[in-house]
Amino acid sequence: INLQTKLFATFFILLIFILGCFLI
């Protein structure tokens, strides 16, 4: 997996986590 894909996946996972915390 190239670095750009890893960066995008990490960003997406963190974004989902932060949005979930904000909704709670």
mmCIF file of all heavy atoms, coordinates in Angstrom:
data_MODEL
# 
_entry.id   MODEL 
# 
loop_
_atom_site.group_PDB 
_atom_site.id 
_atom_site.type_symbol 
_atom_site.label_atom_id 
_atom_site.label_alt_id 
_atom_site.label_comp_id 
_atom_site.label_asym_id 
_atom_site.label_entity_id 
_atom_site.label_seq_id 
_atom_site.pdbx_PDB_ins_code 
_atom_site.Cartn_x 
_atom_site.Cartn_y 
_atom_site.Cartn_z 
_atom_site.occupancy 
_atom_site.B_iso_or_equiv 
_atom_site.pdbx_formal_charge 
_atom_site.auth_seq_id 
_atom_site.auth_comp_id 
_atom_site.auth_asym_id 
_atom_site.auth_atom_id 
_atom_site.pdbx_PDB_model_num 
ATOM 1   N N   . ILE A 1 1  ? 0.864   -1.177 0.000  1.00 0.00 ? 1  ILE A N   1 
ATOM 2   C CA  . ILE A 1 1  ? 0.000   0.000  0.000  1.00 0.00 ? 1  ILE A CA  1 
ATOM 3   C C   . ILE A 1 1  ? 0.900   1.226  0.000  1.00 0.00 ? 1  ILE A C   1 
ATOM 4   O O   . ILE A 1 1  ? 1.821   1.329  0.814  1.00 0.00 ? 1  ILE A O   1 
ATOM 5   C CB  . ILE A 1 1  ? -0.916  -0.004 1.234  1.00 0.00 ? 1  ILE A CB  1 
ATOM 6   C CG1 . ILE A 1 1  ? -1.779  -1.268 1.250  1.00 0.00 ? 1  ILE A CG1 1 
ATOM 7   C CG2 . ILE A 1 1  ? -1.790  1.230  1.252  1.00 0.00 ? 1  ILE A CG2 1 
ATOM 8   C CD1 . ILE A 1 1  ? -2.599  -1.427 2.501  1.00 0.00 ? 1  ILE A CD1 1 
ATOM 9   N N   . ASN A 1 2  ? 0.633   2.146  -0.911 1.00 0.00 ? 2  ASN A N   1 
ATOM 10  C CA  . ASN A 1 2  ? 1.504   3.320  -0.972 1.00 0.00 ? 2  ASN A CA  1 
ATOM 11  C C   . ASN A 1 2  ? 1.202   4.298  0.164  1.00 0.00 ? 2  ASN A C   1 
ATOM 12  O O   . ASN A 1 2  ? 0.206   4.180  0.868  1.00 0.00 ? 2  ASN A O   1 
ATOM 13  C CB  . ASN A 1 2  ? 1.406   4.004  -2.346 1.00 0.00 ? 2  ASN A CB  1 
ATOM 14  C CG  . ASN A 1 2  ? 0.029   4.541  -2.622 1.00 0.00 ? 2  ASN A CG  1 
ATOM 15  O OD1 . ASN A 1 2  ? -0.826  4.554  -1.759 1.00 0.00 ? 2  ASN A OD1 1 
ATOM 16  N ND2 . ASN A 1 2  ? -0.192  4.996  -3.833 1.00 0.00 ? 2  ASN A ND2 1 
ATOM 17  N N   . LEU A 1 3  ? 2.086   5.240  0.357  1.00 0.00 ? 3  LEU A N   1 
ATOM 18  C CA  . LEU A 1 3  ? 2.012   6.161  1.478  1.00 0.00 ? 3  LEU A CA  1 
ATOM 19  C C   . LEU A 1 3  ? 0.759   7.036  1.418  1.00 0.00 ? 3  LEU A C   1 
ATOM 20  O O   . LEU A 1 3  ? 0.143   7.318  2.442  1.00 0.00 ? 3  LEU A O   1 
ATOM 21  C CB  . LEU A 1 3  ? 3.270   7.032  1.509  1.00 0.00 ? 3  LEU A CB  1 
ATOM 22  C CG  . LEU A 1 3  ? 3.415   7.973  2.690  1.00 0.00 ? 3  LEU A CG  1 
ATOM 23  C CD1 . LEU A 1 3  ? 3.442   7.192  3.990  1.00 0.00 ? 3  LEU A CD1 1 
ATOM 24  C CD2 . LEU A 1 3  ? 4.680   8.795  2.548  1.00 0.00 ? 3  LEU A CD2 1 
ATOM 25  N N   . GLN A 1 4  ? 0.361   7.445  0.220  1.00 0.00 ? 4  GLN A N   1 
ATOM 26  C CA  . GLN A 1 4  ? -0.825  8.293  0.083  1.00 0.00 ? 4  GLN A CA  1 
ATOM 27  C C   . GLN A 1 4  ? -2.073  7.550  0.551  1.00 0.00 ? 4  GLN A C   1 
ATOM 28  O O   . GLN A 1 4  ? -2.924  8.122  1.239  1.00 0.00 ? 4  GLN A O   1 
ATOM 29  C CB  . GLN A 1 4  ? -0.981  8.725  -1.373 1.00 0.00 ? 4  GLN A CB  1 
ATOM 30  C CG  . GLN A 1 4  ? -2.156  9.662  -1.588 1.00 0.00 ? 4  GLN A CG  1 
ATOM 31  C CD  . GLN A 1 4  ? -2.269  10.112 -3.033 1.00 0.00 ? 4  GLN A CD  1 
ATOM 32  O OE1 . GLN A 1 4  ? -1.511  9.653  -3.882 1.00 0.00 ? 4  GLN A OE1 1 
ATOM 33  N NE2 . GLN A 1 4  ? -3.208  10.980 -3.307 1.00 0.00 ? 4  GLN A NE2 1 
ATOM 34  N N   . THR A 1 5  ? -2.189  6.269  0.230  1.00 0.00 ? 5  THR A N   1 
ATOM 35  C CA  . THR A 1 5  ? -3.341  5.479  0.657  1.00 0.00 ? 5  THR A CA  1 
ATOM 36  C C   . THR A 1 5  ? -3.341  5.307  2.170  1.00 0.00 ? 5  THR A C   1 
ATOM 37  O O   . THR A 1 5  ? -4.389  5.404  2.811  1.00 0.00 ? 5  THR A O   1 
ATOM 38  C CB  . THR A 1 5  ? -3.320  4.106  -0.043 1.00 0.00 ? 5  THR A CB  1 
ATOM 39  O OG1 . THR A 1 5  ? -3.258  4.314  -1.455 1.00 0.00 ? 5  THR A OG1 1 
ATOM 40  C CG2 . THR A 1 5  ? -4.553  3.302  0.291  1.00 0.00 ? 5  THR A CG2 1 
ATOM 41  N N   . LYS A 1 6  ? -2.176  5.042  2.750  1.00 0.00 ? 6  LYS A N   1 
ATOM 42  C CA  . LYS A 1 6  ? -2.086  4.921  4.207  1.00 0.00 ? 6  LYS A CA  1 
ATOM 43  C C   . LYS A 1 6  ? -2.483  6.223  4.882  1.00 0.00 ? 6  LYS A C   1 
ATOM 44  O O   . LYS A 1 6  ? -3.205  6.215  5.890  1.00 0.00 ? 6  LYS A O   1 
ATOM 45  C CB  . LYS A 1 6  ? -0.668  4.546  4.619  1.00 0.00 ? 6  LYS A CB  1 
ATOM 46  C CG  . LYS A 1 6  ? -0.292  3.127  4.298  1.00 0.00 ? 6  LYS A CG  1 
ATOM 47  C CD  . LYS A 1 6  ? 1.130   2.856  4.749  1.00 0.00 ? 6  LYS A CD  1 
ATOM 48  C CE  . LYS A 1 6  ? 1.576   1.468  4.360  1.00 0.00 ? 6  LYS A CE  1 
ATOM 49  N NZ  . LYS A 1 6  ? 2.968   1.204  4.760  1.00 0.00 ? 6  LYS A NZ  1 
ATOM 50  N N   . LEU A 1 7  ? -2.017  7.346  4.356  1.00 0.00 ? 7  LEU A N   1 
ATOM 51  C CA  . LEU A 1 7  ? -2.346  8.650  4.922  1.00 0.00 ? 7  LEU A CA  1 
ATOM 52  C C   . LEU A 1 7  ? -3.844  8.917  4.840  1.00 0.00 ? 7  LEU A C   1 
ATOM 53  O O   . LEU A 1 7  ? -4.468  9.360  5.807  1.00 0.00 ? 7  LEU A O   1 
ATOM 54  C CB  . LEU A 1 7  ? -1.573  9.753  4.203  1.00 0.00 ? 7  LEU A CB  1 
ATOM 55  C CG  . LEU A 1 7  ? -1.775  11.173 4.707  1.00 0.00 ? 7  LEU A CG  1 
ATOM 56  C CD1 . LEU A 1 7  ? -1.211  11.306 6.114  1.00 0.00 ? 7  LEU A CD1 1 
ATOM 57  C CD2 . LEU A 1 7  ? -1.112  12.171 3.790  1.00 0.00 ? 7  LEU A CD2 1 
ATOM 58  N N   . PHE A 1 8  ? -4.442  8.625  3.701  1.00 0.00 ? 8  PHE A N   1 
ATOM 59  C CA  . PHE A 1 8  ? -5.879  8.834  3.521  1.00 0.00 ? 8  PHE A CA  1 
ATOM 60  C C   . PHE A 1 8  ? -6.677  7.941  4.468  1.00 0.00 ? 8  PHE A C   1 
ATOM 61  O O   . PHE A 1 8  ? -7.634  8.398  5.096  1.00 0.00 ? 8  PHE A O   1 
ATOM 62  C CB  . PHE A 1 8  ? -6.281  8.561  2.066  1.00 0.00 ? 8  PHE A CB  1 
ATOM 63  C CG  . PHE A 1 8  ? -7.748  8.717  1.819  1.00 0.00 ? 8  PHE A CG  1 
ATOM 64  C CD1 . PHE A 1 8  ? -8.316  9.972  1.748  1.00 0.00 ? 8  PHE A CD1 1 
ATOM 65  C CD2 . PHE A 1 8  ? -8.561  7.612  1.675  1.00 0.00 ? 8  PHE A CD2 1 
ATOM 66  C CE1 . PHE A 1 8  ? -9.675  10.128 1.531  1.00 0.00 ? 8  PHE A CE1 1 
ATOM 67  C CE2 . PHE A 1 8  ? -9.920  7.752  1.461  1.00 0.00 ? 8  PHE A CE2 1 
ATOM 68  C CZ  . PHE A 1 8  ? -10.479 9.015  1.393  1.00 0.00 ? 8  PHE A CZ  1 
ATOM 69  N N   . ALA A 1 9  ? -6.284  6.683  4.600  1.00 0.00 ? 9  ALA A N   1 
ATOM 70  C CA  . ALA A 1 9  ? -6.998  5.757  5.483  1.00 0.00 ? 9  ALA A CA  1 
ATOM 71  C C   . ALA A 1 9  ? -6.887  6.210  6.934  1.00 0.00 ? 9  ALA A C   1 
ATOM 72  O O   . ALA A 1 9  ? -7.878  6.202  7.677  1.00 0.00 ? 9  ALA A O   1 
ATOM 73  C CB  . ALA A 1 9  ? -6.451  4.349  5.316  1.00 0.00 ? 9  ALA A CB  1 
ATOM 74  N N   . THR A 1 10 ? -5.709  6.627  7.353  1.00 0.00 ? 10 THR A N   1 
ATOM 75  C CA  . THR A 1 10 ? -5.516  7.105  8.722  1.00 0.00 ? 10 THR A CA  1 
ATOM 76  C C   . THR A 1 10 ? -6.336  8.365  8.972  1.00 0.00 ? 10 THR A C   1 
ATOM 77  O O   . THR A 1 10 ? -6.998  8.490  10.009 1.00 0.00 ? 10 THR A O   1 
ATOM 78  C CB  . THR A 1 10 ? -4.025  7.390  8.979  1.00 0.00 ? 10 THR A CB  1 
ATOM 79  O OG1 . THR A 1 10 ? -3.277  6.214  8.708  1.00 0.00 ? 10 THR A OG1 1 
ATOM 80  C CG2 . THR A 1 10 ? -3.792  7.829  10.407 1.00 0.00 ? 10 THR A CG2 1 
ATOM 81  N N   . PHE A 1 11 ? -6.324  9.289  8.026  1.00 0.00 ? 11 PHE A N   1 
ATOM 82  C CA  . PHE A 1 11 ? -7.104  10.515 8.154  1.00 0.00 ? 11 PHE A CA  1 
ATOM 83  C C   . PHE A 1 11 ? -8.591  10.207 8.253  1.00 0.00 ? 11 PHE A C   1 
ATOM 84  O O   . PHE A 1 11 ? -9.306  10.766 9.084  1.00 0.00 ? 11 PHE A O   1 
ATOM 85  C CB  . PHE A 1 11 ? -6.833  11.435 6.954  1.00 0.00 ? 11 PHE A CB  1 
ATOM 86  C CG  . PHE A 1 11 ? -7.678  12.665 6.939  1.00 0.00 ? 11 PHE A CG  1 
ATOM 87  C CD1 . PHE A 1 11 ? -7.403  13.730 7.777  1.00 0.00 ? 11 PHE A CD1 1 
ATOM 88  C CD2 . PHE A 1 11 ? -8.765  12.754 6.086  1.00 0.00 ? 11 PHE A CD2 1 
ATOM 89  C CE1 . PHE A 1 11 ? -8.191  14.873 7.767  1.00 0.00 ? 11 PHE A CE1 1 
ATOM 90  C CE2 . PHE A 1 11 ? -9.561  13.887 6.065  1.00 0.00 ? 11 PHE A CE2 1 
ATOM 91  C CZ  . PHE A 1 11 ? -9.272  14.946 6.912  1.00 0.00 ? 11 PHE A CZ  1 
ATOM 92  N N   . PHE A 1 12 ? -9.074  9.294  7.434  1.00 0.00 ? 12 PHE A N   1 
ATOM 93  C CA  . PHE A 1 12 ? -10.494 8.943  7.412  1.00 0.00 ? 12 PHE A CA  1 
ATOM 94  C C   . PHE A 1 12 ? -10.913 8.299  8.733  1.00 0.00 ? 12 PHE A C   1 
ATOM 95  O O   . PHE A 1 12 ? -11.957 8.633  9.295  1.00 0.00 ? 12 PHE A O   1 
ATOM 96  C CB  . PHE A 1 12 ? -10.777 8.009  6.234  1.00 0.00 ? 12 PHE A CB  1 
ATOM 97  C CG  . PHE A 1 12 ? -12.225 7.731  6.020  1.00 0.00 ? 12 PHE A CG  1 
ATOM 98  C CD1 . PHE A 1 12 ? -13.064 8.699  5.517  1.00 0.00 ? 12 PHE A CD1 1 
ATOM 99  C CD2 . PHE A 1 12 ? -12.754 6.485  6.338  1.00 0.00 ? 12 PHE A CD2 1 
ATOM 100 C CE1 . PHE A 1 12 ? -14.410 8.447  5.326  1.00 0.00 ? 12 PHE A CE1 1 
ATOM 101 C CE2 . PHE A 1 12 ? -14.089 6.222  6.147  1.00 0.00 ? 12 PHE A CE2 1 
ATOM 102 C CZ  . PHE A 1 12 ? -14.924 7.203  5.641  1.00 0.00 ? 12 PHE A CZ  1 
ATOM 103 N N   . ILE A 1 13 ? -10.084 7.400  9.254  1.00 0.00 ? 13 ILE A N   1 
ATOM 104 C CA  . ILE A 1 13 ? -10.399 6.741  10.525 1.00 0.00 ? 13 ILE A CA  1 
ATOM 105 C C   . ILE A 1 13 ? -10.426 7.767  11.661 1.00 0.00 ? 13 ILE A C   1 
ATOM 106 O O   . ILE A 1 13 ? -11.343 7.770  12.495 1.00 0.00 ? 13 ILE A O   1 
ATOM 107 C CB  . ILE A 1 13 ? -9.392  5.613  10.804 1.00 0.00 ? 13 ILE A CB  1 
ATOM 108 C CG1 . ILE A 1 13 ? -9.623  4.471  9.819  1.00 0.00 ? 13 ILE A CG1 1 
ATOM 109 C CG2 . ILE A 1 13 ? -9.497  5.123  12.241 1.00 0.00 ? 13 ILE A CG2 1 
ATOM 110 C CD1 . ILE A 1 13 ? -8.537  3.420  9.825  1.00 0.00 ? 13 ILE A CD1 1 
ATOM 111 N N   . LEU A 1 14 ? -9.443  8.659  11.693 1.00 0.00 ? 14 LEU A N   1 
ATOM 112 C CA  . LEU A 1 14 ? -9.425  9.695  12.731 1.00 0.00 ? 14 LEU A CA  1 
ATOM 113 C C   . LEU A 1 14 ? -10.609 10.655 12.594 1.00 0.00 ? 14 LEU A C   1 
ATOM 114 O O   . LEU A 1 14 ? -11.186 11.083 13.591 1.00 0.00 ? 14 LEU A O   1 
ATOM 115 C CB  . LEU A 1 14 ? -8.114  10.471 12.677 1.00 0.00 ? 14 LEU A CB  1 
ATOM 116 C CG  . LEU A 1 14 ? -6.888  9.722  13.185 1.00 0.00 ? 14 LEU A CG  1 
ATOM 117 C CD1 . LEU A 1 14 ? -5.629  10.549 12.932 1.00 0.00 ? 14 LEU A CD1 1 
ATOM 118 C CD2 . LEU A 1 14 ? -7.020  9.404  14.655 1.00 0.00 ? 14 LEU A CD2 1 
ATOM 119 N N   . LEU A 1 15 ? -10.986 10.972 11.370 1.00 0.00 ? 15 LEU A N   1 
ATOM 120 C CA  . LEU A 1 15 ? -12.131 11.852 11.143 1.00 0.00 ? 15 LEU A CA  1 
ATOM 121 C C   . LEU A 1 15 ? -13.414 11.214 11.660 1.00 0.00 ? 15 LEU A C   1 
ATOM 122 O O   . LEU A 1 15 ? -14.209 11.871 12.344 1.00 0.00 ? 15 LEU A O   1 
ATOM 123 C CB  . LEU A 1 15 ? -12.257 12.167 9.648  1.00 0.00 ? 15 LEU A CB  1 
ATOM 124 C CG  . LEU A 1 15 ? -13.410 13.078 9.248  1.00 0.00 ? 15 LEU A CG  1 
ATOM 125 C CD1 . LEU A 1 15 ? -13.190 14.476 9.812  1.00 0.00 ? 15 LEU A CD1 1 
ATOM 126 C CD2 . LEU A 1 15 ? -13.546 13.120 7.742  1.00 0.00 ? 15 LEU A CD2 1 
ATOM 127 N N   . ILE A 1 16 ? -13.617 9.940  11.379 1.00 0.00 ? 16 ILE A N   1 
ATOM 128 C CA  . ILE A 1 16 ? -14.805 9.235  11.862 1.00 0.00 ? 16 ILE A CA  1 
ATOM 129 C C   . ILE A 1 16 ? -14.815 9.204  13.388 1.00 0.00 ? 16 ILE A C   1 
ATOM 130 O O   . ILE A 1 16 ? -15.848 9.427  14.026 1.00 0.00 ? 16 ILE A O   1 
ATOM 131 C CB  . ILE A 1 16 ? -14.861 7.806  11.272 1.00 0.00 ? 16 ILE A CB  1 
ATOM 132 C CG1 . ILE A 1 16 ? -15.035 7.859  9.756  1.00 0.00 ? 16 ILE A CG1 1 
ATOM 133 C CG2 . ILE A 1 16 ? -15.954 6.980  11.921 1.00 0.00 ? 16 ILE A CG2 1 
ATOM 134 C CD1 . ILE A 1 16 ? -16.312 8.512  9.299  1.00 0.00 ? 16 ILE A CD1 1 
ATOM 135 N N   . PHE A 1 17 ? -13.657 8.938  13.999 1.00 0.00 ? 17 PHE A N   1 
ATOM 136 C CA  . PHE A 1 17 ? -13.556 8.895  15.460 1.00 0.00 ? 17 PHE A CA  1 
ATOM 137 C C   . PHE A 1 17 ? -13.892 10.253 16.072 1.00 0.00 ? 17 PHE A C   1 
ATOM 138 O O   . PHE A 1 17 ? -14.675 10.349 17.027 1.00 0.00 ? 17 PHE A O   1 
ATOM 139 C CB  . PHE A 1 17 ? -12.144 8.458  15.869 1.00 0.00 ? 17 PHE A CB  1 
ATOM 140 C CG  . PHE A 1 17 ? -11.927 8.460  17.344 1.00 0.00 ? 17 PHE A CG  1 
ATOM 141 C CD1 . PHE A 1 17 ? -12.478 7.488  18.144 1.00 0.00 ? 17 PHE A CD1 1 
ATOM 142 C CD2 . PHE A 1 17 ? -11.158 9.456  17.932 1.00 0.00 ? 17 PHE A CD2 1 
ATOM 143 C CE1 . PHE A 1 17 ? -12.281 7.499  19.515 1.00 0.00 ? 17 PHE A CE1 1 
ATOM 144 C CE2 . PHE A 1 17 ? -10.954 9.476  19.291 1.00 0.00 ? 17 PHE A CE2 1 
ATOM 145 C CZ  . PHE A 1 17 ? -11.525 8.493  20.090 1.00 0.00 ? 17 PHE A CZ  1 
ATOM 146 N N   . ILE A 1 18 ? -13.336 11.330 15.523 1.00 0.00 ? 18 ILE A N   1 
ATOM 147 C CA  . ILE A 1 18 ? -13.568 12.670 16.062 1.00 0.00 ? 18 ILE A CA  1 
ATOM 148 C C   . ILE A 1 18 ? -15.026 13.086 15.873 1.00 0.00 ? 18 ILE A C   1 
ATOM 149 O O   . ILE A 1 18 ? -15.641 13.662 16.774 1.00 0.00 ? 18 ILE A O   1 
ATOM 150 C CB  . ILE A 1 18 ? -12.600 13.678 15.426 1.00 0.00 ? 18 ILE A CB  1 
ATOM 151 C CG1 . ILE A 1 18 ? -11.178 13.384 15.914 1.00 0.00 ? 18 ILE A CG1 1 
ATOM 152 C CG2 . ILE A 1 18 ? -12.998 15.110 15.727 1.00 0.00 ? 18 ILE A CG2 1 
ATOM 153 C CD1 . ILE A 1 18 ? -10.099 14.160 15.205 1.00 0.00 ? 18 ILE A CD1 1 
ATOM 154 N N   . LEU A 1 19 ? -15.612 12.764 14.720 1.00 0.00 ? 19 LEU A N   1 
ATOM 155 C CA  . LEU A 1 19 ? -17.028 13.093 14.507 1.00 0.00 ? 19 LEU A CA  1 
ATOM 156 C C   . LEU A 1 19 ? -17.928 12.316 15.460 1.00 0.00 ? 19 LEU A C   1 
ATOM 157 O O   . LEU A 1 19 ? -18.925 12.847 15.956 1.00 0.00 ? 19 LEU A O   1 
ATOM 158 C CB  . LEU A 1 19 ? -17.425 12.818 13.058 1.00 0.00 ? 19 LEU A CB  1 
ATOM 159 C CG  . LEU A 1 19 ? -16.924 13.833 12.036 1.00 0.00 ? 19 LEU A CG  1 
ATOM 160 C CD1 . LEU A 1 19 ? -17.292 13.390 10.628 1.00 0.00 ? 19 LEU A CD1 1 
ATOM 161 C CD2 . LEU A 1 19 ? -17.477 15.213 12.319 1.00 0.00 ? 19 LEU A CD2 1 
ATOM 162 N N   . GLY A 1 20 ? -17.589 11.054 15.714 1.00 0.00 ? 20 GLY A N   1 
ATOM 163 C CA  . GLY A 1 20 ? -18.361 10.256 16.666 1.00 0.00 ? 20 GLY A CA  1 
ATOM 164 C C   . GLY A 1 20 ? -18.297 10.845 18.064 1.00 0.00 ? 20 GLY A C   1 
ATOM 165 O O   . GLY A 1 20 ? -19.318 10.951 18.753 1.00 0.00 ? 20 GLY A O   1 
ATOM 166 N N   . CYS A 1 21 ? -17.101 11.240 18.496 1.00 0.00 ? 21 CYS A N   1 
ATOM 167 C CA  . CYS A 1 21 ? -16.949 11.874 19.811 1.00 0.00 ? 21 CYS A CA  1 
ATOM 168 C C   . CYS A 1 21 ? -17.733 13.177 19.880 1.00 0.00 ? 21 CYS A C   1 
ATOM 169 O O   . CYS A 1 21 ? -18.378 13.480 20.891 1.00 0.00 ? 21 CYS A O   1 
ATOM 170 C CB  . CYS A 1 21 ? -15.478 12.131 20.108 1.00 0.00 ? 21 CYS A CB  1 
ATOM 171 S SG  . CYS A 1 21 ? -14.525 10.638 20.398 1.00 0.00 ? 21 CYS A SG  1 
ATOM 172 N N   . PHE A 1 22 ? -17.704 13.949 18.809 1.00 0.00 ? 22 PHE A N   1 
ATOM 173 C CA  . PHE A 1 22 ? -18.442 15.213 18.784 1.00 0.00 ? 22 PHE A CA  1 
ATOM 174 C C   . PHE A 1 22 ? -19.946 14.972 18.870 1.00 0.00 ? 22 PHE A C   1 
ATOM 175 O O   . PHE A 1 22 ? -20.659 15.679 19.594 1.00 0.00 ? 22 PHE A O   1 
ATOM 176 C CB  . PHE A 1 22 ? -18.101 15.988 17.508 1.00 0.00 ? 22 PHE A CB  1 
ATOM 177 C CG  . PHE A 1 22 ? -18.832 17.290 17.392 1.00 0.00 ? 22 PHE A CG  1 
ATOM 178 C CD1 . PHE A 1 22 ? -18.493 18.370 18.190 1.00 0.00 ? 22 PHE A CD1 1 
ATOM 179 C CD2 . PHE A 1 22 ? -19.860 17.435 16.481 1.00 0.00 ? 22 PHE A CD2 1 
ATOM 180 C CE1 . PHE A 1 22 ? -19.168 19.570 18.102 1.00 0.00 ? 22 PHE A CE1 1 
ATOM 181 C CE2 . PHE A 1 22 ? -20.541 18.630 16.370 1.00 0.00 ? 22 PHE A CE2 1 
ATOM 182 C CZ  . PHE A 1 22 ? -20.199 19.698 17.182 1.00 0.00 ? 22 PHE A CZ  1 
ATOM 183 N N   . LEU A 1 23 ? -20.447 13.961 18.166 1.00 0.00 ? 23 LEU A N   1 
ATOM 184 C CA  . LEU A 1 23 ? -21.880 13.663 18.218 1.00 0.00 ? 23 LEU A CA  1 
ATOM 185 C C   . LEU A 1 23 ? -22.302 13.216 19.616 1.00 0.00 ? 23 LEU A C   1 
ATOM 186 O O   . LEU A 1 23 ? -23.366 13.603 20.103 1.00 0.00 ? 23 LEU A O   1 
ATOM 187 C CB  . LEU A 1 23 ? -22.239 12.593 17.191 1.00 0.00 ? 23 LEU A CB  1 
ATOM 188 C CG  . LEU A 1 23 ? -22.247 13.067 15.739 1.00 0.00 ? 23 LEU A CG  1 
ATOM 189 C CD1 . LEU A 1 23 ? -22.480 11.894 14.805 1.00 0.00 ? 23 LEU A CD1 1 
ATOM 190 C CD2 . LEU A 1 23 ? -23.301 14.136 15.541 1.00 0.00 ? 23 LEU A CD2 1 
ATOM 191 N N   . ILE A 1 24 ? -21.469 12.421 20.269 1.00 0.00 ? 24 ILE A N   1 
ATOM 192 C CA  . ILE A 1 24 ? -21.768 12.003 21.646 1.00 0.00 ? 24 ILE A CA  1 
ATOM 193 C C   . ILE A 1 24 ? -21.779 13.215 22.569 1.00 0.00 ? 24 ILE A C   1 
ATOM 194 O O   . ILE A 1 24 ? -22.676 13.377 23.400 1.00 0.00 ? 24 ILE A O   1 
ATOM 195 C CB  . ILE A 1 24 ? -20.757 10.940 22.111 1.00 0.00 ? 24 ILE A CB  1 
ATOM 196 C CG1 . ILE A 1 24 ? -20.972 9.649  21.332 1.00 0.00 ? 24 ILE A CG1 1 
ATOM 197 C CG2 . ILE A 1 24 ? -20.869 10.700 23.608 1.00 0.00 ? 24 ILE A CG2 1 
ATOM 198 C CD1 . ILE A 1 24 ? -19.884 8.620  21.528 1.00 0.00 ? 24 ILE A CD1 1 
# 
